[in-house]
Amino acid sequence: MKDPHNYAQVGYAMILVAGSLAAIGLMSIFLAEDVLFSDTIARDNTAHFNECKENDFLEEGCERYWNRINNEISGIYVDLPK
């Protein structure tokens, strides 16, 4: 059986894997202060939604929820400005 001689392709793949692991390592260094980074973002977004809900989605910044309310699934009905 003939040797396929694909050592170069294997080498490039190993370099790619090493590079991606290095990128993940650098990201973890920068995010090490806040281990629950995505949890913090989710909690902030939930708090913003609840604040908008208390004010009937009429404050500035609450426009992004307008297409998700006033339907049967959400159960939130508000008179929105046109």
N, C-alpha and C. Protein backbone atom coordinates (compact mmCIF):
# COMPACT_ATOMS: atom_id res chain seq x y z
N MET A 1 0.84 -1.17 0.00
CA MET A 1 0.00 0.00 0.00
C MET A 1 0.89 1.24 0.00
N LYS A 2 0.55 2.21 -0.82
CA LYS A 2 1.36 3.40 -0.98
C LYS A 2 1.07 4.39 0.15
N ASP A 3 2.11 5.03 0.65
CA ASP A 3 1.98 6.04 1.71
C ASP A 3 1.34 7.30 1.11
N PRO A 4 0.26 7.84 1.73
CA PRO A 4 -0.45 8.95 1.12
C PRO A 4 0.29 10.29 1.19
N HIS A 5 1.30 10.43 2.02
CA HIS A 5 2.09 11.66 2.12
C HIS A 5 1.24 12.90 2.39
N ASN A 6 0.38 12.82 3.37
CA ASN A 6 -0.43 13.98 3.70
C ASN A 6 0.04 14.64 5.00
N TYR A 7 1.34 14.57 5.24
CA TYR A 7 1.90 15.13 6.47
C TYR A 7 1.72 16.64 6.53
N ALA A 8 1.78 17.31 5.41
CA ALA A 8 1.64 18.77 5.39
C ALA A 8 0.22 19.16 5.81
N GLN A 9 -0.77 18.45 5.32
CA GLN A 9 -2.15 18.76 5.69
C GLN A 9 -2.38 18.53 7.18
N VAL A 10 -1.81 17.48 7.70
CA VAL A 10 -1.93 17.19 9.13
C VAL A 10 -1.23 18.28 9.93
N GLY A 11 -0.11 18.74 9.48
CA GLY A 11 0.61 19.81 10.15
C GLY A 11 -0.17 21.10 10.18
N TYR A 12 -0.80 21.45 9.05
CA TYR A 12 -1.62 22.66 9.00
C TYR A 12 -2.83 22.55 9.92
N ALA A 13 -3.41 21.38 10.00
CA ALA A 13 -4.55 21.17 10.89
C ALA A 13 -4.12 21.32 12.34
N MET A 14 -2.94 20.82 12.69
CA MET A 14 -2.45 20.96 14.06
C MET A 14 -2.18 22.43 14.40
N ILE A 15 -1.67 23.19 13.44
CA ILE A 15 -1.44 24.61 13.64
C ILE A 15 -2.78 25.33 13.86
N LEU A 16 -3.78 24.97 13.08
CA LEU A 16 -5.10 25.57 13.22
C LEU A 16 -5.71 25.27 14.58
N VAL A 17 -5.59 24.05 15.04
CA VAL A 17 -6.11 23.67 16.36
C VAL A 17 -5.36 24.43 17.46
N ALA A 18 -4.06 24.52 17.34
CA ALA A 18 -3.27 25.24 18.33
C ALA A 18 -3.64 26.72 18.36
N GLY A 19 -3.88 27.30 17.19
CA GLY A 19 -4.27 28.71 17.13
C GLY A 19 -5.62 28.95 17.77
N SER A 20 -6.57 28.06 17.52
CA SER A 20 -7.90 28.25 18.11
C SER A 20 -7.86 28.06 19.63
N LEU A 21 -7.05 27.13 20.11
CA LEU A 21 -6.89 26.96 21.56
C LEU A 21 -6.21 28.18 22.19
N ALA A 22 -5.28 28.76 21.48
CA ALA A 22 -4.63 29.98 21.98
C ALA A 22 -5.63 31.13 22.04
N ALA A 23 -6.51 31.24 21.04
CA ALA A 23 -7.53 32.28 21.05
C ALA A 23 -8.49 32.09 22.22
N ILE A 24 -8.88 30.87 22.48
CA ILE A 24 -9.75 30.59 23.62
C ILE A 24 -9.05 30.95 24.93
N GLY A 25 -7.78 30.64 25.02
CA GLY A 25 -7.01 30.99 26.21
C GLY A 25 -6.93 32.49 26.43
N LEU A 26 -6.71 33.25 25.35
CA LEU A 26 -6.66 34.71 25.48
C LEU A 26 -8.01 35.27 25.90
N MET A 27 -9.08 34.72 25.36
CA MET A 27 -10.42 35.18 25.76
C MET A 27 -10.66 34.89 27.24
N SER A 28 -10.22 33.76 27.72
CA SER A 28 -10.44 33.42 29.12
C SER A 28 -9.63 34.33 30.04
N ILE A 29 -8.48 34.80 29.58
CA ILE A 29 -7.68 35.73 30.38
C ILE A 29 -8.42 37.06 30.54
N PHE A 30 -9.01 37.55 29.44
CA PHE A 30 -9.70 38.84 29.49
C PHE A 30 -11.03 38.76 30.22
N LEU A 31 -11.66 37.60 30.24
CA LEU A 31 -12.95 37.44 30.91
C LEU A 31 -12.81 36.79 32.28
N ALA A 32 -11.60 36.65 32.77
CA ALA A 32 -11.38 35.93 34.03
C ALA A 32 -11.97 36.67 35.23
N GLU A 33 -12.11 37.99 35.15
CA GLU A 33 -12.67 38.75 36.26
C GLU A 33 -14.15 38.43 36.46
N ASP A 34 -14.84 38.22 35.38
CA ASP A 34 -16.27 37.95 35.44
C ASP A 34 -16.53 36.56 34.87
N VAL A 35 -16.52 35.56 35.74
CA VAL A 35 -16.64 34.18 35.29
C VAL A 35 -18.04 33.91 34.73
N LEU A 36 -19.03 34.58 35.27
CA LEU A 36 -20.41 34.40 34.81
C LEU A 36 -20.80 35.52 33.86
N PHE A 37 -19.97 35.77 32.86
CA PHE A 37 -20.17 36.88 31.94
C PHE A 37 -21.52 36.80 31.23
N SER A 38 -21.86 35.64 30.68
CA SER A 38 -23.13 35.50 29.96
C SER A 38 -24.32 35.58 30.92
N ASP A 39 -24.14 35.10 32.14
CA ASP A 39 -25.21 35.19 33.14
C ASP A 39 -25.48 36.64 33.50
N THR A 40 -24.43 37.43 33.61
CA THR A 40 -24.58 38.85 33.91
C THR A 40 -25.34 39.56 32.79
N ILE A 41 -25.01 39.23 31.55
CA ILE A 41 -25.70 39.84 30.41
C ILE A 41 -27.18 39.46 30.43
N ALA A 42 -27.48 38.20 30.68
CA ALA A 42 -28.87 37.74 30.71
C ALA A 42 -29.65 38.41 31.83
N ARG A 43 -29.04 38.55 32.99
CA ARG A 43 -29.72 39.20 34.12
C ARG A 43 -29.97 40.68 33.83
N ASP A 44 -29.02 41.34 33.19
CA ASP A 44 -29.20 42.75 32.83
C ASP A 44 -30.35 42.92 31.83
N ASN A 45 -30.40 42.02 30.83
CA ASN A 45 -31.48 42.09 29.85
C ASN A 45 -32.84 41.81 30.49
N THR A 46 -32.90 40.87 31.42
CA THR A 46 -34.16 40.57 32.11
C THR A 46 -34.60 41.75 32.96
N ALA A 47 -33.65 42.39 33.64
CA ALA A 47 -33.98 43.55 34.45
C ALA A 47 -34.49 44.69 33.58
N HIS A 48 -33.87 44.88 32.41
CA HIS A 48 -34.33 45.93 31.48
C HIS A 48 -35.74 45.64 30.99
N PHE A 49 -36.02 44.39 30.65
CA PHE A 49 -37.36 44.02 30.19
C PHE A 49 -38.39 44.26 31.28
N ASN A 50 -38.09 43.87 32.51
CA ASN A 50 -39.03 44.07 33.60
C ASN A 50 -39.27 45.55 33.89
N GLU A 51 -38.22 46.37 33.75
CA GLU A 51 -38.37 47.81 33.92
C GLU A 51 -39.26 48.39 32.82
N CYS A 52 -39.06 47.94 31.59
CA CYS A 52 -39.91 48.39 30.49
C CYS A 52 -41.35 47.94 30.69
N LYS A 53 -41.53 46.74 31.20
CA LYS A 53 -42.87 46.21 31.42
C LYS A 53 -43.63 47.04 32.46
N GLU A 54 -42.92 47.49 33.50
CA GLU A 54 -43.55 48.32 34.52
C GLU A 54 -44.00 49.66 33.95
N ASN A 55 -43.30 50.16 32.94
CA ASN A 55 -43.61 51.46 32.34
C ASN A 55 -44.36 51.33 31.02
N ASP A 56 -45.01 50.19 30.80
CA ASP A 56 -45.82 49.92 29.60
C ASP A 56 -45.04 50.08 28.29
N PHE A 57 -43.75 49.81 28.31
CA PHE A 57 -42.89 49.80 27.13
C PHE A 57 -42.90 51.14 26.39
N LEU A 58 -43.09 52.23 27.10
CA LEU A 58 -43.16 53.55 26.48
C LEU A 58 -41.88 54.35 26.67
N GLU A 59 -40.94 53.89 27.48
CA GLU A 59 -39.70 54.62 27.68
C GLU A 59 -38.76 54.41 26.50
N GLU A 60 -37.75 55.27 26.46
CA GLU A 60 -36.75 55.15 25.40
C GLU A 60 -35.94 53.87 25.61
N GLY A 61 -35.72 53.13 24.57
CA GLY A 61 -34.98 51.88 24.65
C GLY A 61 -35.88 50.66 24.71
N CYS A 62 -37.16 50.86 24.94
CA CYS A 62 -38.10 49.73 25.04
C CYS A 62 -38.74 49.40 23.70
N GLU A 63 -38.36 50.13 22.66
CA GLU A 63 -38.95 49.91 21.33
C GLU A 63 -38.60 48.53 20.79
N ARG A 64 -37.51 47.96 21.25
CA ARG A 64 -37.08 46.67 20.71
C ARG A 64 -38.01 45.53 21.12
N TYR A 65 -38.86 45.77 22.11
CA TYR A 65 -39.80 44.74 22.55
C TYR A 65 -41.17 44.87 21.90
N TRP A 66 -41.39 45.94 21.14
CA TRP A 66 -42.73 46.21 20.60
C TRP A 66 -43.20 45.10 19.67
N ASN A 67 -42.33 44.48 18.92
CA ASN A 67 -42.77 43.44 17.99
C ASN A 67 -43.04 42.11 18.69
N ARG A 68 -42.71 42.01 19.99
CA ARG A 68 -42.92 40.76 20.72
C ARG A 68 -44.09 40.82 21.68
N ILE A 69 -44.71 41.98 21.83
CA ILE A 69 -45.83 42.09 22.76
C ILE A 69 -47.12 42.26 21.97
N ASN A 70 -48.24 42.40 22.70
CA ASN A 70 -49.57 42.54 22.10
C ASN A 70 -49.95 41.33 21.26
N ASN A 71 -49.65 40.15 21.77
CA ASN A 71 -50.12 38.94 21.13
C ASN A 71 -50.49 37.93 22.20
N GLU A 72 -51.16 36.89 21.79
CA GLU A 72 -51.68 35.90 22.73
C GLU A 72 -50.56 35.13 23.43
N ILE A 73 -49.47 34.90 22.74
CA ILE A 73 -48.39 34.11 23.32
C ILE A 73 -47.72 34.85 24.47
N SER A 74 -47.44 36.16 24.28
CA SER A 74 -46.76 36.89 25.34
C SER A 74 -47.71 37.21 26.51
N GLY A 75 -48.97 37.41 26.21
CA GLY A 75 -49.93 37.75 27.25
C GLY A 75 -49.80 39.16 27.74
N ILE A 76 -49.05 40.00 27.04
CA ILE A 76 -48.85 41.39 27.41
C ILE A 76 -49.55 42.25 26.36
N TYR A 77 -50.49 43.05 26.80
CA TYR A 77 -51.23 43.92 25.87
C TYR A 77 -51.05 45.36 26.33
N VAL A 78 -50.49 46.19 25.44
CA VAL A 78 -50.20 47.59 25.73
C VAL A 78 -50.62 48.42 24.54
N ASP A 79 -51.14 49.63 24.81
CA ASP A 79 -51.43 50.57 23.73
C ASP A 79 -50.13 51.29 23.37
N LEU A 80 -49.62 50.99 22.19
CA LEU A 80 -48.35 51.57 21.76
C LEU A 80 -48.60 52.80 20.90
N PRO A 81 -47.70 53.79 20.94
CA PRO A 81 -47.84 54.94 20.06
C PRO A 81 -47.54 54.53 18.63
N LYS A 82 -48.13 55.24 17.71
CA LYS A 82 -47.95 54.89 16.28
C LYS A 82 -46.72 55.50 15.71
